[in-house]
C-alpha cells in the first residue's frame, strides 16, 4: 500500500477566543476555505490547560470555553501560504503545529 506525503496543520485554541470581532475558529475555517485547503475538522475537548491556565469553566453544569483543536491536512505549499494569516488570528493565544503525515 502506498502513502502520499502530506502535512498536518493542527491549531489549538479555546472555544471563546476571538479576533477581528468573530470567533477565532470560524475565522480560521474561513482562511482554510479561501486557501483551497481540502478539508478541516474542529475537535472540541472536554478539559485541558496550557499557558493561559485551565481551558474549561463549568457554569451550572454547562462547560464553556472548552479547548478546540482544528486540524487540516494538505500539501505543504498550500498550508505555508495561509500560515501568516492563521498566526495573526491565533496570536499568542494558542499553539500551531505542523508535521509530515502519510495519507493512504
PDB file of N, CA and C in Angstrom:
ATOM      1  N   UNK A   1       0.844  -1.170   0.000  1.00  0.00           N
ATOM      2  CA  UNK A   1       0.000   0.000   0.000  1.00  0.00           C
ATOM      3  C   UNK A   1       0.898   1.246   0.000  1.00  0.00           C
ATOM      4  N   UNK A   2       0.627   2.158  -0.892  1.00  0.00           N
ATOM      5  CA  UNK A   2       1.437   3.374  -0.999  1.00  0.00           C
ATOM      6  C   UNK A   2       0.794   4.507  -0.208  1.00  0.00           C
ATOM      7  N   UNK A   3       1.635   5.317   0.353  1.00  0.00           N
ATOM      8  CA  UNK A   3       1.149   6.508   1.046  1.00  0.00           C
ATOM      9  C   UNK A   3       1.605   7.742   0.283  1.00  0.00           C
ATOM     10  N   UNK A   4       0.817   8.778   0.395  1.00  0.00           N
ATOM     11  CA  UNK A   4       1.159  10.073  -0.174  1.00  0.00           C
ATOM     12  C   UNK A   4       1.614  10.972   0.958  1.00  0.00           C
ATOM     13  N   UNK A   5       2.740  11.656   0.769  1.00  0.00           N
ATOM     14  CA  UNK A   5       3.234  12.560   1.802  1.00  0.00           C
ATOM     15  C   UNK A   5       2.447  13.859   1.756  1.00  0.00           C
ATOM     16  N   UNK A   6       1.871  14.203   2.901  1.00  0.00           N
ATOM     17  CA  UNK A   6       1.116  15.439   3.069  1.00  0.00           C
ATOM     18  C   UNK A   6       1.555  16.048   4.401  1.00  0.00           C
ATOM     19  N   UNK A   7       0.958  17.170   4.753  1.00  0.00           N
ATOM     20  CA  UNK A   7       1.280  17.830   6.018  1.00  0.00           C
ATOM     21  C   UNK A   7       0.008  18.053   6.818  1.00  0.00           C
ATOM     22  N   UNK A   8       0.114  17.874   8.121  1.00  0.00           N
ATOM     23  CA  UNK A   8      -0.990  18.093   9.042  1.00  0.00           C
ATOM     24  C   UNK A   8      -0.755  19.401   9.787  1.00  0.00           C
ATOM     25  N   UNK A   9      -1.709  20.301   9.679  1.00  0.00           N
ATOM     26  CA  UNK A   9      -1.686  21.564  10.408  1.00  0.00           C
ATOM     27  C   UNK A   9      -2.651  21.421  11.576  1.00  0.00           C
ATOM     28  N   UNK A  10      -2.169  21.627  12.799  1.00  0.00           N
ATOM     29  CA  UNK A  10      -3.000  21.488  13.991  1.00  0.00           C
ATOM     30  C   UNK A  10      -2.930  22.802  14.772  1.00  0.00           C
ATOM     31  N   UNK A  11      -4.107  23.342  15.079  1.00  0.00           N
ATOM     32  CA  UNK A  11      -4.208  24.615  15.787  1.00  0.00           C
ATOM     33  C   UNK A  11      -4.978  24.369  17.069  1.00  0.00           C
ATOM     34  N   UNK A  12      -4.395  24.750  18.193  1.00  0.00           N
ATOM     35  CA  UNK A  12      -5.042  24.577  19.498  1.00  0.00           C
ATOM     36  C   UNK A  12      -5.386  25.951  20.056  1.00  0.00           C
ATOM     37  N   UNK A  13      -6.683  26.172  20.288  1.00  0.00           N
ATOM     38  CA  UNK A  13      -7.179  27.428  20.842  1.00  0.00           C
ATOM     39  C   UNK A  13      -8.291  27.102  21.835  1.00  0.00           C
ATOM     40  N   UNK A  14      -8.913  28.154  22.378  1.00  0.00           N
ATOM     41  CA  UNK A  14     -10.086  27.963  23.229  1.00  0.00           C
ATOM     42  C   UNK A  14     -11.332  28.371  22.451  1.00  0.00           C
ATOM     43  N   UNK A  15     -12.442  27.771  22.802  1.00  0.00           N
ATOM     44  CA  UNK A  15     -13.692  27.992  22.074  1.00  0.00           C
ATOM     45  C   UNK A  15     -14.103  29.462  22.037  1.00  0.00           C
ATOM     46  N   UNK A  16     -13.873  30.191  23.113  1.00  0.00           N
ATOM     47  CA  UNK A  16     -14.316  31.578  23.190  1.00  0.00           C
ATOM     48  C   UNK A  16     -13.301  32.579  22.648  1.00  0.00           C
ATOM     49  N   UNK A  17     -12.181  32.134  22.124  1.00  0.00           N
ATOM     50  CA  UNK A  17     -11.193  33.056  21.566  1.00  0.00           C
ATOM     51  C   UNK A  17     -11.797  33.810  20.389  1.00  0.00           C
ATOM     52  N   UNK A  18     -11.480  35.109  20.314  1.00  0.00           N
ATOM     53  CA  UNK A  18     -11.987  35.937  19.228  1.00  0.00           C
ATOM     54  C   UNK A  18     -10.848  36.713  18.571  1.00  0.00           C
ATOM     55  N   UNK A  19     -11.099  37.127  17.344  1.00  0.00           N
ATOM     56  CA  UNK A  19     -10.197  38.005  16.599  1.00  0.00           C
ATOM     57  C   UNK A  19     -11.045  38.713  15.550  1.00  0.00           C
ATOM     58  N   UNK A  20     -10.747  39.955  15.303  1.00  0.00           N
ATOM     59  CA  UNK A  20     -11.490  40.728  14.299  1.00  0.00           C
ATOM     60  C   UNK A  20     -12.999  40.712  14.544  1.00  0.00           C
ATOM     61  N   UNK A  21     -13.403  40.597  15.796  1.00  0.00           N
ATOM     62  CA  UNK A  21     -14.819  40.624  16.139  1.00  0.00           C
ATOM     63  C   UNK A  21     -15.577  39.327  15.888  1.00  0.00           C
ATOM     64  N   UNK A  22     -14.868  38.249  15.569  1.00  0.00           N
ATOM     65  CA  UNK A  22     -15.520  36.954  15.324  1.00  0.00           C
ATOM     66  C   UNK A  22     -14.823  35.879  16.148  1.00  0.00           C
ATOM     67  N   UNK A  23     -15.481  34.750  16.283  1.00  0.00           N
ATOM     68  CA  UNK A  23     -14.849  33.601  16.949  1.00  0.00           C
ATOM     69  C   UNK A  23     -13.637  33.167  16.122  1.00  0.00           C
ATOM     70  N   UNK A  24     -12.541  32.881  16.804  1.00  0.00           N
ATOM     71  CA  UNK A  24     -11.288  32.535  16.122  1.00  0.00           C
ATOM     72  C   UNK A  24     -11.432  31.294  15.258  1.00  0.00           C
ATOM     73  N   UNK A  25     -12.156  30.274  15.733  1.00  0.00           N
ATOM     74  CA  UNK A  25     -12.250  29.042  14.938  1.00  0.00           C
ATOM     75  C   UNK A  25     -13.028  29.271  13.647  1.00  0.00           C
ATOM     76  N   UNK A  26     -13.999  30.170  13.660  1.00  0.00           N
ATOM     77  CA  UNK A  26     -14.748  30.486  12.441  1.00  0.00           C
ATOM     78  C   UNK A  26     -13.830  31.205  11.452  1.00  0.00           C
ATOM     79  N   UNK A  27     -13.049  32.165  11.934  1.00  0.00           N
ATOM     80  CA  UNK A  27     -12.095  32.866  11.072  1.00  0.00           C
ATOM     81  C   UNK A  27     -11.074  31.901  10.464  1.00  0.00           C
ATOM     82  N   UNK A  28     -10.579  30.982  11.289  1.00  0.00           N
ATOM     83  CA  UNK A  28      -9.582  30.020  10.803  1.00  0.00           C
ATOM     84  C   UNK A  28     -10.183  29.129   9.724  1.00  0.00           C
ATOM     85  N   UNK A  29     -11.402  28.658   9.934  1.00  0.00           N
ATOM     86  CA  UNK A  29     -12.052  27.844   8.900  1.00  0.00           C
ATOM     87  C   UNK A  29     -12.234  28.642   7.610  1.00  0.00           C
ATOM     88  N   UNK A  30     -12.585  29.923   7.726  1.00  0.00           N
ATOM     89  CA  UNK A  30     -12.715  30.774   6.539  1.00  0.00           C
ATOM     90  C   UNK A  30     -11.384  30.899   5.799  1.00  0.00           C
ATOM     91  N   UNK A  31     -10.303  31.072   6.550  1.00  0.00           N
ATOM     92  CA  UNK A  31      -8.967  31.175   5.946  1.00  0.00           C
ATOM     93  C   UNK A  31      -8.615  29.878   5.228  1.00  0.00           C
ATOM     94  N   UNK A  32      -8.899  28.738   5.852  1.00  0.00           N
ATOM     95  CA  UNK A  32      -8.612  27.442   5.241  1.00  0.00           C
ATOM     96  C   UNK A  32      -9.405  27.256   3.950  1.00  0.00           C
ATOM     97  N   UNK A  33     -10.683  27.652   3.964  1.00  0.00           N
ATOM     98  CA  UNK A  33     -11.519  27.538   2.760  1.00  0.00           C
ATOM     99  C   UNK A  33     -10.989  28.425   1.644  1.00  0.00           C
ATOM    100  N   UNK A  34     -10.662  29.689   1.970  1.00  0.00           N
ATOM    101  CA  UNK A  34     -10.142  30.618   0.961  1.00  0.00           C
ATOM    102  C   UNK A  34      -8.804  30.142   0.396  1.00  0.00           C
ATOM    103  N   UNK A  35      -8.043  29.413   1.212  1.00  0.00           N
ATOM    104  CA  UNK A  35      -6.756  28.885   0.770  1.00  0.00           C
ATOM    105  C   UNK A  35      -6.876  27.581   0.005  1.00  0.00           C
ATOM    106  N   UNK A  36      -8.118  27.167  -0.291  1.00  0.00           N
ATOM    107  CA  UNK A  36      -8.394  25.925  -1.016  1.00  0.00           C
ATOM    108  C   UNK A  36      -7.807  24.692  -0.335  1.00  0.00           C
ATOM    109  N   UNK A  37      -7.799  24.713   0.993  1.00  0.00           N
ATOM    110  CA  UNK A  37      -7.362  23.548   1.750  1.00  0.00           C
ATOM    111  C   UNK A  37      -8.469  22.502   1.629  1.00  0.00           C
ATOM    112  N   UNK A  38      -8.070  21.266   1.384  1.00  0.00           N
ATOM    113  CA  UNK A  38      -9.008  20.197   1.065  1.00  0.00           C
ATOM    114  C   UNK A  38     -10.125  20.042   2.091  1.00  0.00           C
ATOM    115  N   UNK A  39      -9.806  20.133   3.364  1.00  0.00           N
ATOM    116  CA  UNK A  39     -10.822  19.985   4.398  1.00  0.00           C
ATOM    117  C   UNK A  39     -10.217  20.229   5.764  1.00  0.00           C
ATOM    118  N   UNK A  40     -11.071  20.432   6.746  1.00  0.00           N
ATOM    119  CA  UNK A  40     -10.617  20.670   8.112  1.00  0.00           C
ATOM    120  C   UNK A  40     -11.650  20.112   9.080  1.00  0.00           C
ATOM    121  N   UNK A  41     -11.191  19.771  10.258  1.00  0.00           N
ATOM    122  CA  UNK A  41     -12.059  19.278  11.315  1.00  0.00           C
ATOM    123  C   UNK A  41     -11.800  20.091  12.571  1.00  0.00           C
ATOM    124  N   UNK A  42     -12.871  20.473  13.256  1.00  0.00           N
ATOM    125  CA  UNK A  42     -12.757  21.151  14.543  1.00  0.00           C
ATOM    126  C   UNK A  42     -13.152  20.149  15.616  1.00  0.00           C
ATOM    127  N   UNK A  43     -12.234  19.890  16.521  1.00  0.00           N
ATOM    128  CA  UNK A  43     -12.462  18.950  17.626  1.00  0.00           C
ATOM    129  C   UNK A  43     -12.666  19.754  18.896  1.00  0.00           C
ATOM    130  N   UNK A  44     -13.643  19.377  19.706  1.00  0.00           N
ATOM    131  CA  UNK A  44     -13.876  20.023  20.989  1.00  0.00           C
ATOM    132  C   UNK A  44     -13.365  19.123  22.098  1.00  0.00           C
ATOM    133  N   UNK A  45     -12.524  19.686  22.934  1.00  0.00           N
ATOM    134  CA  UNK A  45     -12.027  18.953  24.094  1.00  0.00           C
ATOM    135  C   UNK A  45     -12.948  19.158  25.277  1.00  0.00           C
ATOM    136  N   UNK A  46     -12.869  18.257  26.238  1.00  0.00           N
ATOM    137  CA  UNK A  46     -13.725  18.367  27.416  1.00  0.00           C
ATOM    138  C   UNK A  46     -13.035  19.086  28.570  1.00  0.00           C
ATOM    139  N   UNK A  47     -11.714  19.139  28.530  1.00  0.00           N
ATOM    140  CA  UNK A  47     -10.969  19.797  29.593  1.00  0.00           C
ATOM    141  C   UNK A  47      -9.527  19.954  29.135  1.00  0.00           C
ATOM    142  N   UNK A  48      -8.798  20.824  29.756  1.00  0.00           N
ATOM    143  CA  UNK A  48      -7.399  20.991  29.412  1.00  0.00           C
ATOM    144  C   UNK A  48      -6.789  22.176  30.130  1.00  0.00           C
ATOM    145  N   UNK A  49      -5.494  22.374  29.916  1.00  0.00           N
ATOM    146  CA  UNK A  49      -4.802  23.531  30.465  1.00  0.00           C
ATOM    147  C   UNK A  49      -3.618  23.851  29.567  1.00  0.00           C
ATOM    148  N   UNK A  50      -3.127  25.037  29.688  1.00  0.00           N
ATOM    149  CA  UNK A  50      -1.991  25.496  28.901  1.00  0.00           C
ATOM    150  C   UNK A  50      -1.417  26.740  29.538  1.00  0.00           C
ATOM    151  N   UNK A  51      -0.677  27.512  28.754  1.00  0.00           N
ATOM    152  CA  UNK A  51      -0.006  28.679  29.316  1.00  0.00           C
ATOM    153  C   UNK A  51      -0.984  29.742  29.819  1.00  0.00           C
ATOM    154  N   UNK A  52      -2.233  29.701  29.316  1.00  0.00           N
ATOM    155  CA  UNK A  52      -3.252  30.645  29.794  1.00  0.00           C
ATOM    156  C   UNK A  52      -4.093  30.054  30.920  1.00  0.00           C
ATOM    157  N   UNK A  53      -3.708  28.905  31.440  1.00  0.00           N
ATOM    158  CA  UNK A  53      -4.436  28.280  32.544  1.00  0.00           C
ATOM    159  C   UNK A  53      -5.393  27.215  32.070  1.00  0.00           C
ATOM    160  N   UNK A  54      -6.357  26.916  32.918  1.00  0.00           N
ATOM    161  CA  UNK A  54      -7.342  25.876  32.644  1.00  0.00           C
ATOM    162  C   UNK A  54      -8.252  26.292  31.498  1.00  0.00           C
ATOM    163  N   UNK A  55      -8.632  25.329  30.659  1.00  0.00           N
ATOM    164  CA  UNK A  55      -9.426  25.622  29.466  1.00  0.00           C
ATOM    165  C   UNK A  55     -10.924  25.480  29.666  1.00  0.00           C
ATOM    166  N   UNK A  56     -11.365  24.958  30.768  1.00  0.00           N
ATOM    167  CA  UNK A  56     -12.793  24.715  30.941  1.00  0.00           C
ATOM    168  C   UNK A  56     -13.310  25.459  32.161  1.00  0.00           C
ATOM    169  N   UNK A  57     -14.466  26.057  31.996  1.00  0.00           N
ATOM    170  CA  UNK A  57     -15.166  26.705  33.089  1.00  0.00           C
ATOM    171  C   UNK A  57     -16.552  26.080  33.145  1.00  0.00           C
ATOM    172  N   UNK A  58     -16.966  25.612  34.301  1.00  0.00           N
ATOM    173  CA  UNK A  58     -18.281  24.972  34.438  1.00  0.00           C
ATOM    174  C   UNK A  58     -19.243  25.942  35.118  1.00  0.00           C
ATOM    175  N   UNK A  59     -20.341  26.224  34.432  1.00  0.00           N
ATOM    176  CA  UNK A  59     -21.393  27.074  34.980  1.00  0.00           C
ATOM    177  C   UNK A  59     -22.694  26.293  34.977  1.00  0.00           C
ATOM    178  N   UNK A  60     -23.199  25.999  36.163  1.00  0.00           N
ATOM    179  CA  UNK A  60     -24.455  25.270  36.307  1.00  0.00           C
ATOM    180  C   UNK A  60     -24.519  24.040  35.399  1.00  0.00           C
ATOM    181  N   UNK A  61     -23.453  23.250  35.403  1.00  0.00           N
ATOM    182  CA  UNK A  61     -23.427  22.001  34.650  1.00  0.00           C
ATOM    183  C   UNK A  61     -23.089  22.143  33.173  1.00  0.00           C
ATOM    184  N   UNK A  62     -22.864  23.363  32.710  1.00  0.00           N
ATOM    185  CA  UNK A  62     -22.524  23.583  31.306  1.00  0.00           C
ATOM    186  C   UNK A  62     -21.061  23.988  31.216  1.00  0.00           C
ATOM    187  N   UNK A  63     -20.304  23.296  30.377  1.00  0.00           N
ATOM    188  CA  UNK A  63     -18.895  23.624  30.183  1.00  0.00           C
ATOM    189  C   UNK A  63     -18.781  24.684  29.090  1.00  0.00           C
ATOM    190  N   UNK A  64     -18.053  25.765  29.392  1.00  0.00           N
ATOM    191  CA  UNK A  64     -17.821  26.815  28.404  1.00  0.00           C
ATOM    192  C   UNK A  64     -16.323  27.040  28.257  1.00  0.00           C
ATOM    193  N   UNK A  65     -15.960  27.630  27.148  1.00  0.00           N
ATOM    194  CA  UNK A  65     -14.571  27.928  26.820  1.00  0.00           C
ATOM    195  C   UNK A  65     -13.702  26.678  26.814  1.00  0.00           C
ATOM    196  N   UNK A  66     -14.232  25.637  26.212  1.00  0.00           N
ATOM    197  CA  UNK A  66     -13.530  24.369  26.116  1.00  0.00           C
ATOM    198  C   UNK A  66     -12.377  24.486  25.131  1.00  0.00           C
ATOM    199  N   UNK A  67     -11.387  23.617  25.232  1.00  0.00           N
ATOM    200  CA  UNK A  67     -10.304  23.627  24.253  1.00  0.00           C
ATOM    201  C   UNK A  67     -10.818  23.161  22.894  1.00  0.00           C
ATOM    202  N   UNK A  68     -10.299  23.773  21.831  1.00  0.00           N
ATOM    203  CA  UNK A  68     -10.618  23.370  20.464  1.00  0.00           C
ATOM    204  C   UNK A  68      -9.338  23.002  19.739  1.00  0.00           C
ATOM    205  N   UNK A  69      -9.428  21.998  18.903  1.00  0.00           N
ATOM    206  CA  UNK A  69      -8.325  21.627  18.017  1.00  0.00           C
ATOM    207  C   UNK A  69      -8.871  21.662  16.600  1.00  0.00           C
ATOM    208  N   UNK A  70      -8.205  22.417  15.744  1.00  0.00           N
ATOM    209  CA  UNK A  70      -8.569  22.477  14.331  1.00  0.00           C
ATOM    210  C   UNK A  70      -7.457  21.776  13.569  1.00  0.00           C
ATOM    211  N   UNK A  71      -7.834  20.778  12.767  1.00  0.00           N
ATOM    212  CA  UNK A  71      -6.843  20.013  12.023  1.00  0.00           C
ATOM    213  C   UNK A  71      -7.170  20.044  10.531  1.00  0.00           C
ATOM    214  N   UNK A  72      -6.147  20.314   9.736  1.00  0.00           N
ATOM    215  CA  UNK A  72      -6.283  20.302   8.279  1.00  0.00           C
ATOM    216  C   UNK A  72      -5.073  19.566   7.706  1.00  0.00           C
ATOM    217  N   UNK A  73      -5.294  18.786   6.662  1.00  0.00           N
ATOM    218  CA  UNK A  73      -4.211  18.046   6.021  1.00  0.00           C
ATOM    219  C   UNK A  73      -4.213  18.388   4.540  1.00  0.00           C
ATOM    220  N   UNK A  74      -3.051  18.821   4.048  1.00  0.00           N
ATOM    221  CA  UNK A  74      -2.924  19.182   2.638  1.00  0.00           C
ATOM    222  C   UNK A  74      -1.444  19.251   2.283  1.00  0.00           C
ATOM    223  N   UNK A  75      -1.166  19.770   1.101  1.00  0.00           N
ATOM    224  CA  UNK A  75       0.214  19.918   0.640  1.00  0.00           C
ATOM    225  C   UNK A  75       0.900  21.052   1.398  1.00  0.00           C
ATOM    226  N   UNK A  76       2.190  20.904   1.636  1.00  0.00           N
ATOM    227  CA  UNK A  76       2.957  21.876   2.408  1.00  0.00           C
ATOM    228  C   UNK A  76       2.846  23.279   1.807  1.00  0.00           C
ATOM    229  N   UNK A  77       2.970  23.399   0.504  1.00  0.00           N
ATOM    230  CA  UNK A  77       2.950  24.709  -0.144  1.00  0.00           C
ATOM    231  C   UNK A  77       1.635  25.441   0.112  1.00  0.00           C
ATOM    232  N   UNK A  78       0.525  24.725   0.046  1.00  0.00           N
ATOM    233  CA  UNK A  78      -0.779  25.344   0.272  1.00  0.00           C
ATOM    234  C   UNK A  78      -0.921  25.805   1.723  1.00  0.00           C
ATOM    235  N   UNK A  79      -0.446  24.985   2.653  1.00  0.00           N
ATOM    236  CA  UNK A  79      -0.548  25.343   4.063  1.00  0.00           C
ATOM    237  C   UNK A  79       0.364  26.516   4.403  1.00  0.00           C
ATOM    238  N   UNK A  80       1.557  26.534   3.840  1.00  0.00           N
ATOM    239  CA  UNK A  80       2.500  27.618   4.127  1.00  0.00           C
ATOM    240  C   UNK A  80       1.968  28.974   3.666  1.00  0.00           C
ATOM    241  N   UNK A  81       1.172  29.002   2.609  1.00  0.00           N
ATOM    242  CA  UNK A  81       0.627  30.264   2.101  1.00  0.00           C
ATOM    243  C   UNK A  81      -0.348  30.908   3.085  1.00  0.00           C
ATOM    244  N   UNK A  82      -1.066  30.099   3.848  1.00  0.00           N
ATOM    245  CA  UNK A  82      -2.074  30.643   4.762  1.00  0.00           C
ATOM    246  C   UNK A  82      -1.576  30.785   6.199  1.00  0.00           C
ATOM    247  N   UNK A  83      -0.402  30.259   6.500  1.00  0.00           N
ATOM    248  CA  UNK A  83       0.101  30.294   7.877  1.00  0.00           C
ATOM    249  C   UNK A  83       0.214  31.700   8.467  1.00  0.00           C
ATOM    250  N   UNK A  84       0.712  32.704   7.711  1.00  0.00           N
ATOM    251  CA  UNK A  84       0.805  34.037   8.316  1.00  0.00           C
ATOM    252  C   UNK A  84      -0.549  34.579   8.790  1.00  0.00           C
ATOM    253  N   UNK A  85      -1.587  34.372   8.011  1.00  0.00           N
ATOM    254  CA  UNK A  85      -2.910  34.865   8.395  1.00  0.00           C
ATOM    255  C   UNK A  85      -3.461  34.089   9.588  1.00  0.00           C
ATOM    256  N   UNK A  86      -3.221  32.780   9.618  1.00  0.00           N
ATOM    257  CA  UNK A  86      -3.670  31.978  10.766  1.00  0.00           C
ATOM    258  C   UNK A  86      -2.919  32.398  12.024  1.00  0.00           C
ATOM    259  N   UNK A  87      -1.617  32.627  11.901  1.00  0.00           N
ATOM    260  CA  UNK A  87      -0.815  33.055  13.049  1.00  0.00           C
ATOM    261  C   UNK A  87      -1.325  34.395  13.588  1.00  0.00           C
ATOM    262  N   UNK A  88      -1.758  35.276  12.693  1.00  0.00           N
ATOM    263  CA  UNK A  88      -2.299  36.564  13.111  1.00  0.00           C
ATOM    264  C   UNK A  88      -3.575  36.376  13.926  1.00  0.00           C
ATOM    265  N   UNK A  89      -4.428  35.449  13.520  1.00  0.00           N
ATOM    266  CA  UNK A  89      -5.675  35.182  14.245  1.00  0.00           C
ATOM    267  C   UNK A  89      -5.381  34.525  15.597  1.00  0.00           C
ATOM    268  N   UNK A  90      -4.504  33.541  15.608  1.00  0.00           N
ATOM    269  CA  UNK A  90      -4.204  32.806  16.847  1.00  0.00           C
ATOM    270  C   UNK A  90      -3.378  33.661  17.800  1.00  0.00           C
ATOM    271  N   UNK A  91      -2.452  34.459  17.244  1.00  0.00           N
ATOM    272  CA  UNK A  91      -1.566  35.322  18.018  1.00  0.00           C
ATOM    273  C   UNK A  91      -0.838  34.478  19.068  1.00  0.00           C
ATOM    274  N   UNK A  92      -0.763  34.962  20.294  1.00  0.00           N
ATOM    275  CA  UNK A  92      -0.110  34.198  21.364  1.00  0.00           C
ATOM    276  C   UNK A  92      -1.119  33.415  22.192  1.00  0.00           C
ATOM    277  N   UNK A  93      -2.351  33.294  21.702  1.00  0.00           N
ATOM    278  CA  UNK A  93      -3.420  32.654  22.468  1.00  0.00           C
ATOM    279  C   UNK A  93      -3.573  31.167  22.181  1.00  0.00           C
ATOM    280  N   UNK A  94      -2.735  30.622  21.355  1.00  0.00           N
ATOM    281  CA  UNK A  94      -2.874  29.208  21.034  1.00  0.00           C
ATOM    282  C   UNK A  94      -1.552  28.617  20.602  1.00  0.00           C
ATOM    283  N   UNK A  95      -1.645  27.452  20.017  1.00  0.00           N
ATOM    284  CA  UNK A  95      -0.461  26.725  19.564  1.00  0.00           C
ATOM    285  C   UNK A  95      -0.733  26.200  18.175  1.00  0.00           C
ATOM    286  N   UNK A  96       0.224  26.408  17.276  1.00  0.00           N
ATOM    287  CA  UNK A  96       0.112  25.927  15.912  1.00  0.00           C
ATOM    288  C   UNK A  96       1.260  24.957  15.667  1.00  0.00           C
ATOM    289  N   UNK A  97       0.936  23.746  15.206  1.00  0.00           N
ATOM    290  CA  UNK A  97       1.981  22.775  14.887  1.00  0.00           C
ATOM    291  C   UNK A  97       1.752  22.221  13.492  1.00  0.00           C
ATOM    292  N   UNK A  98       2.838  21.755  12.886  1.00  0.00           N
ATOM    293  CA  UNK A  98       2.758  21.092  11.587  1.00  0.00           C
ATOM    294  C   UNK A  98       3.657  19.871  11.631  1.00  0.00           C
ATOM    295  N   UNK A  99       3.192  18.816  10.991  1.00  0.00           N
ATOM    296  CA  UNK A  99       4.028  17.628  10.882  1.00  0.00           C
ATOM    297  C   UNK A  99       3.700  16.876   9.585  1.00  0.00           C
ATOM    298  N   UNK A 100       4.696  16.229   9.061  1.00  0.00           N
ATOM    299  CA  UNK A 100       4.502  15.441   7.852  1.00  0.00           C
ATOM    300  C   UNK A 100       3.736  14.168   8.201  1.00  0.00           C
ATOM    301  N   UNK A 101       2.777  13.828   7.346  1.00  0.00           N
ATOM    302  CA  UNK A 101       1.974  12.636   7.559  1.00  0.00           C
ATOM    303  C   UNK A 101       1.904  11.831   6.269  1.00  0.00           C
ATOM    304  N   UNK A 102       1.624  10.556   6.391  1.00  0.00           N
ATOM    305  CA  UNK A 102       1.393   9.710   5.229  1.00  0.00           C
ATOM    306  C   UNK A 102      -0.088   9.451   5.077  1.00  0.00           C
ATOM    307  N   UNK A 103      -0.642   9.783   3.919  1.00  0.00           N
ATOM    308  CA  UNK A 103      -2.066   9.616   3.672  1.00  0.00           C
ATOM    309  C   UNK A 103      -2.265   8.376   2.811  1.00  0.00           C
ATOM    310  N   UNK A 104      -3.149   7.504   3.228  1.00  0.00           N
ATOM    311  CA  UNK A 104      -3.428   6.276   2.478  1.00  0.00           C
ATOM    312  C   UNK A 104      -4.488   6.500   1.433  1.00  0.00           C
TER     313      UNK A 104
END
